[in-house]
Amino acid sequence: MAHTFITMPLSRWALLALLFSIACPTSAEIAIITHPSLKASKLSIDDTAKLFLNTNPVLPDGTRVTLIAQSTTTESAKEFNNKVLHKKDQELRAYWARIIFSGSGQPPKTVDSDKTVKNMVASTPSAIGYIDVSAVDTSVKVILLVP
């Protein structure tokens, strides 16, 4: 019986590969974006995490920024939270509950889509946000790509 799977015709292998790719899509690349006038030209993943977790609310050059995040229901937020913050939705909510309760900070402003983040960043000189790389255009500056 085990040999039946191995000797499957190529068309079945192709069908299995297609079904797997649909069921397990590859992750998206996330772009950390700023207003074009912001002096910062690049940012590390570690510095980005510190900004968005409010452990260091300024850029390495001392510039204060306005952070714009996405609702945890968006794919971009799921990717960002996993790849940059290394936190799942429930962990992130618990983290912010502790920070708010202790009075030591507030979470970033949260919006509902890549388009809204991009528009807010493009119209706010001190803004930093994240979007799927496919949503990037000339209205914003990319300072980090997270594969």
C-alpha atoms as a PDB file:
ATOM      1  CA  MET A   1       0.000   0.000   0.000  1.00  0.00           C
ATOM      2  CA  ALA A   2       2.853   2.410   0.804  1.00  0.00           C
ATOM      3  CA  HIS A   3       4.245   1.944  -2.716  1.00  0.00           C
ATOM      4  CA  THR A   4       0.964   3.062  -4.285  1.00  0.00           C
ATOM      5  CA  PHE A   5       1.586   6.642  -3.107  1.00  0.00           C
ATOM      6  CA  ILE A   6       5.156   6.662  -4.401  1.00  0.00           C
ATOM      7  CA  THR A   7       4.166   5.424  -7.860  1.00  0.00           C
ATOM      8  CA  MET A   8       1.359   7.960  -8.244  1.00  0.00           C
ATOM      9  CA  PRO A   9       1.183   9.444 -11.760  1.00  0.00           C
ATOM     10  CA  LEU A  10       2.725  12.887 -12.162  1.00  0.00           C
ATOM     11  CA  SER A  11      -0.667  14.509 -12.625  1.00  0.00           C
ATOM     12  CA  ARG A  12      -1.658  13.392  -9.137  1.00  0.00           C
ATOM     13  CA  TRP A  13       1.606  14.784  -7.754  1.00  0.00           C
ATOM     14  CA  ALA A  14       0.865  18.083  -9.468  1.00  0.00           C
ATOM     15  CA  LEU A  15      -2.642  18.073  -8.017  1.00  0.00           C
ATOM     16  CA  LEU A  16      -1.273  17.374  -4.532  1.00  0.00           C
ATOM     17  CA  ALA A  17       1.260  20.205  -4.913  1.00  0.00           C
ATOM     18  CA  LEU A  18      -1.488  22.580  -6.014  1.00  0.00           C
ATOM     19  CA  LEU A  19      -3.725  21.609  -3.100  1.00  0.00           C
ATOM     20  CA  PHE A  20      -0.822  22.016  -0.679  1.00  0.00           C
ATOM     21  CA  SER A  21       0.009  25.467  -2.033  1.00  0.00           C
ATOM     22  CA  ILE A  22      -3.613  26.534  -1.618  1.00  0.00           C
ATOM     23  CA  ALA A  23      -3.877  25.091   1.882  1.00  0.00           C
ATOM     24  CA  CYS A  24      -0.471  26.396   2.978  1.00  0.00           C
ATOM     25  CA  PRO A  25       0.158  29.702   1.220  1.00  0.00           C
ATOM     26  CA  THR A  26       3.616  31.203   1.450  1.00  0.00           C
ATOM     27  CA  SER A  27       4.005  34.074   3.839  1.00  0.00           C
ATOM     28  CA  ALA A  28       3.920  37.633   2.601  1.00  0.00           C
ATOM     29  CA  GLU A  29       6.791  40.074   2.627  1.00  0.00           C
ATOM     30  CA  ILE A  30       6.145  43.046   4.899  1.00  0.00           C
ATOM     31  CA  ALA A  31       7.416  46.556   4.211  1.00  0.00           C
ATOM     32  CA  ILE A  32       8.083  48.921   7.107  1.00  0.00           C
ATOM     33  CA  ILE A  33       7.215  52.329   5.686  1.00  0.00           C
ATOM     34  CA  THR A  34       7.655  55.960   6.675  1.00  0.00           C
ATOM     35  CA  HIS A  35       6.643  59.350   5.412  1.00  0.00           C
ATOM     36  CA  PRO A  36       9.114  60.294   2.638  1.00  0.00           C
ATOM     37  CA  SER A  37      10.362  63.321   4.622  1.00  0.00           C
ATOM     38  CA  LEU A  38      11.441  61.251   7.642  1.00  0.00           C
ATOM     39  CA  LYS A  39      15.252  61.274   7.867  1.00  0.00           C
ATOM     40  CA  ALA A  40      15.588  57.572   8.721  1.00  0.00           C
ATOM     41  CA  SER A  41      16.641  55.536   5.699  1.00  0.00           C
ATOM     42  CA  LYS A  42      16.754  52.092   7.281  1.00  0.00           C
ATOM     43  CA  LEU A  43      15.690  50.331  10.447  1.00  0.00           C
ATOM     44  CA  SER A  44      16.562  46.930  11.880  1.00  0.00           C
ATOM     45  CA  ILE A  45      13.966  44.336  12.827  1.00  0.00           C
ATOM     46  CA  ASP A  46      15.047  44.724  16.463  1.00  0.00           C
ATOM     47  CA  ASP A  47      14.615  48.519  16.389  1.00  0.00           C
ATOM     48  CA  THR A  48      11.214  48.093  14.703  1.00  0.00           C
ATOM     49  CA  ALA A  49      10.089  45.664  17.416  1.00  0.00           C
ATOM     50  CA  LYS A  50      11.234  48.090  20.134  1.00  0.00           C
ATOM     51  CA  LEU A  51       9.229  50.881  18.523  1.00  0.00           C
ATOM     52  CA  PHE A  52       6.039  48.861  18.097  1.00  0.00           C
ATOM     53  CA  LEU A  53       6.282  47.326  21.597  1.00  0.00           C
ATOM     54  CA  ASN A  54       6.923  50.763  23.107  1.00  0.00           C
ATOM     55  CA  THR A  55      10.176  49.681  24.749  1.00  0.00           C
ATOM     56  CA  ASN A  56      11.997  52.449  22.857  1.00  0.00           C
ATOM     57  CA  PRO A  57       9.514  54.903  21.302  1.00  0.00           C
ATOM     58  CA  VAL A  58      12.093  56.846  19.274  1.00  0.00           C
ATOM     59  CA  LEU A  59      14.224  56.088  16.224  1.00  0.00           C
ATOM     60  CA  PRO A  60      17.935  55.399  16.765  1.00  0.00           C
ATOM     61  CA  ASP A  61      18.651  59.038  15.755  1.00  0.00           C
ATOM     62  CA  GLY A  62      16.292  60.313  18.499  1.00  0.00           C
ATOM     63  CA  THR A  63      13.352  61.187  16.247  1.00  0.00           C
ATOM     64  CA  ARG A  64       9.933  60.682  17.865  1.00  0.00           C
ATOM     65  CA  VAL A  65       7.510  58.864  15.588  1.00  0.00           C
ATOM     66  CA  THR A  66       3.804  58.175  15.244  1.00  0.00           C
ATOM     67  CA  LEU A  67       3.223  54.438  14.937  1.00  0.00           C
ATOM     68  CA  ILE A  68       0.410  52.998  12.872  1.00  0.00           C
ATOM     69  CA  ALA A  69      -0.381  49.305  13.220  1.00  0.00           C
ATOM     70  CA  GLN A  70      -3.060  47.094  11.726  1.00  0.00           C
ATOM     71  CA  SER A  71      -5.888  45.169  13.298  1.00  0.00           C
ATOM     72  CA  THR A  72      -4.701  41.706  14.261  1.00  0.00           C
ATOM     73  CA  THR A  73      -7.276  40.260  11.867  1.00  0.00           C
ATOM     74  CA  THR A  74      -5.338  41.465   8.794  1.00  0.00           C
ATOM     75  CA  GLU A  75      -2.777  39.236   7.086  1.00  0.00           C
ATOM     76  CA  SER A  76      -0.176  42.009   7.246  1.00  0.00           C
ATOM     77  CA  ALA A  77      -0.583  42.281  11.026  1.00  0.00           C
ATOM     78  CA  LYS A  78      -0.345  38.515  11.471  1.00  0.00           C
ATOM     79  CA  GLU A  79       2.888  38.456   9.453  1.00  0.00           C
ATOM     80  CA  PHE A  80       4.312  41.526  11.216  1.00  0.00           C
ATOM     81  CA  ASN A  81       3.428  40.281  14.697  1.00  0.00           C
ATOM     82  CA  ASN A  82       4.939  36.878  13.963  1.00  0.00           C
ATOM     83  CA  LYS A  83       8.092  37.964  12.112  1.00  0.00           C
ATOM     84  CA  VAL A  84       8.951  41.228  13.883  1.00  0.00           C
ATOM     85  CA  LEU A  85       7.313  41.144  17.317  1.00  0.00           C
ATOM     86  CA  HIS A  86       7.482  37.345  17.663  1.00  0.00           C
ATOM     87  CA  LYS A  87       4.048  37.336  19.279  1.00  0.00           C
ATOM     88  CA  LYS A  88       0.738  35.736  18.462  1.00  0.00           C
ATOM     89  CA  ASP A  89      -2.508  37.738  18.718  1.00  0.00           C
ATOM     90  CA  GLN A  90      -3.357  36.594  22.256  1.00  0.00           C
ATOM     91  CA  GLU A  91       0.202  37.223  23.488  1.00  0.00           C
ATOM     92  CA  LEU A  92       0.143  40.717  22.029  1.00  0.00           C
ATOM     93  CA  ARG A  93      -3.196  41.544  23.670  1.00  0.00           C
ATOM     94  CA  ALA A  94      -1.883  40.317  27.025  1.00  0.00           C
ATOM     95  CA  TYR A  95       1.314  42.346  26.544  1.00  0.00           C
ATOM     96  CA  TRP A  96      -0.615  45.568  25.890  1.00  0.00           C
ATOM     97  CA  ALA A  97      -3.016  44.886  28.753  1.00  0.00           C
ATOM     98  CA  ARG A  98      -0.018  44.754  31.131  1.00  0.00           C
ATOM     99  CA  ILE A  99       1.554  47.903  29.645  1.00  0.00           C
ATOM    100  CA  ILE A 100      -1.708  49.871  29.803  1.00  0.00           C
ATOM    101  CA  PHE A 101      -2.539  48.630  33.322  1.00  0.00           C
ATOM    102  CA  SER A 102       0.908  49.608  34.600  1.00  0.00           C
ATOM    103  CA  GLY A 103       0.535  53.070  33.041  1.00  0.00           C
ATOM    104  CA  SER A 104       3.770  52.716  31.113  1.00  0.00           C
ATOM    105  CA  GLY A 105       2.448  53.131  27.590  1.00  0.00           C
ATOM    106  CA  GLN A 106      -0.230  52.797  24.960  1.00  0.00           C
ATOM    107  CA  PRO A 107      -0.360  50.574  21.884  1.00  0.00           C
ATOM    108  CA  PRO A 108       0.094  52.111  18.432  1.00  0.00           C
ATOM    109  CA  LYS A 109      -2.916  53.505  16.618  1.00  0.00           C
ATOM    110  CA  THR A 110      -4.623  50.583  14.860  1.00  0.00           C
ATOM    111  CA  VAL A 111      -6.340  50.676  11.473  1.00  0.00           C
ATOM    112  CA  ASP A 112      -7.972  48.066   9.274  1.00  0.00           C
ATOM    113  CA  SER A 113      -5.962  47.741   6.052  1.00  0.00           C
ATOM    114  CA  ASP A 114      -2.714  48.223   4.151  1.00  0.00           C
ATOM    115  CA  LYS A 115      -4.365  51.037   2.197  1.00  0.00           C
ATOM    116  CA  THR A 116      -5.357  52.937   5.354  1.00  0.00           C
ATOM    117  CA  VAL A 117      -1.866  52.540   6.856  1.00  0.00           C
ATOM    118  CA  LYS A 118      -0.267  53.743   3.624  1.00  0.00           C
ATOM    119  CA  ASN A 119      -2.569  56.774   3.399  1.00  0.00           C
ATOM    120  CA  MET A 120      -1.976  57.724   7.045  1.00  0.00           C
ATOM    121  CA  VAL A 121       1.803  57.331   6.759  1.00  0.00           C
ATOM    122  CA  ALA A 122       1.844  59.331   3.516  1.00  0.00           C
ATOM    123  CA  SER A 123      -0.029  62.192   5.188  1.00  0.00           C
ATOM    124  CA  THR A 124       1.759  62.215   8.588  1.00  0.00           C
ATOM    125  CA  PRO A 125       5.401  63.423   8.511  1.00  0.00           C
ATOM    126  CA  SER A 126       6.441  61.490  11.635  1.00  0.00           C
ATOM    127  CA  ALA A 127       4.602  58.247  10.826  1.00  0.00           C
ATOM    128  CA  ILE A 128       5.871  54.679  10.582  1.00  0.00           C
ATOM    129  CA  GLY A 129       3.695  51.713   9.705  1.00  0.00           C
ATOM    130  CA  TYR A 130       3.775  48.351   7.976  1.00  0.00           C
ATOM    131  CA  ILE A 131       2.036  46.998   4.898  1.00  0.00           C
ATOM    132  CA  ASP A 132       2.276  44.095   2.499  1.00  0.00           C
ATOM    133  CA  VAL A 133       5.080  44.852   0.053  1.00  0.00           C
ATOM    134  CA  SER A 134       2.616  44.643  -2.851  1.00  0.00           C
ATOM    135  CA  ALA A 135       0.849  47.776  -1.521  1.00  0.00           C
ATOM    136  CA  VAL A 136       3.970  49.988  -1.591  1.00  0.00           C
ATOM    137  CA  ASP A 137       3.980  52.977  -3.929  1.00  0.00           C
ATOM    138  CA  THR A 138       5.839  56.294  -4.227  1.00  0.00           C
ATOM    139  CA  SER A 139       3.716  57.998  -1.554  1.00  0.00           C
ATOM    140  CA  VAL A 140       5.790  56.281   1.180  1.00  0.00           C
ATOM    141  CA  LYS A 141       9.422  55.337   1.823  1.00  0.00           C
ATOM    142  CA  VAL A 142      10.414  51.739   2.630  1.00  0.00           C
ATOM    143  CA  ILE A 143      13.000  51.507   5.428  1.00  0.00           C
ATOM    144  CA  LEU A 144      12.864  47.743   6.034  1.00  0.00           C
ATOM    145  CA  LEU A 145      11.690  44.671   4.135  1.00  0.00           C
ATOM    146  CA  VAL A 146      10.787  41.686   6.269  1.00  0.00           C
ATOM    147  CA  PRO A 147      10.728  38.473   4.209  1.00  0.00           C
END
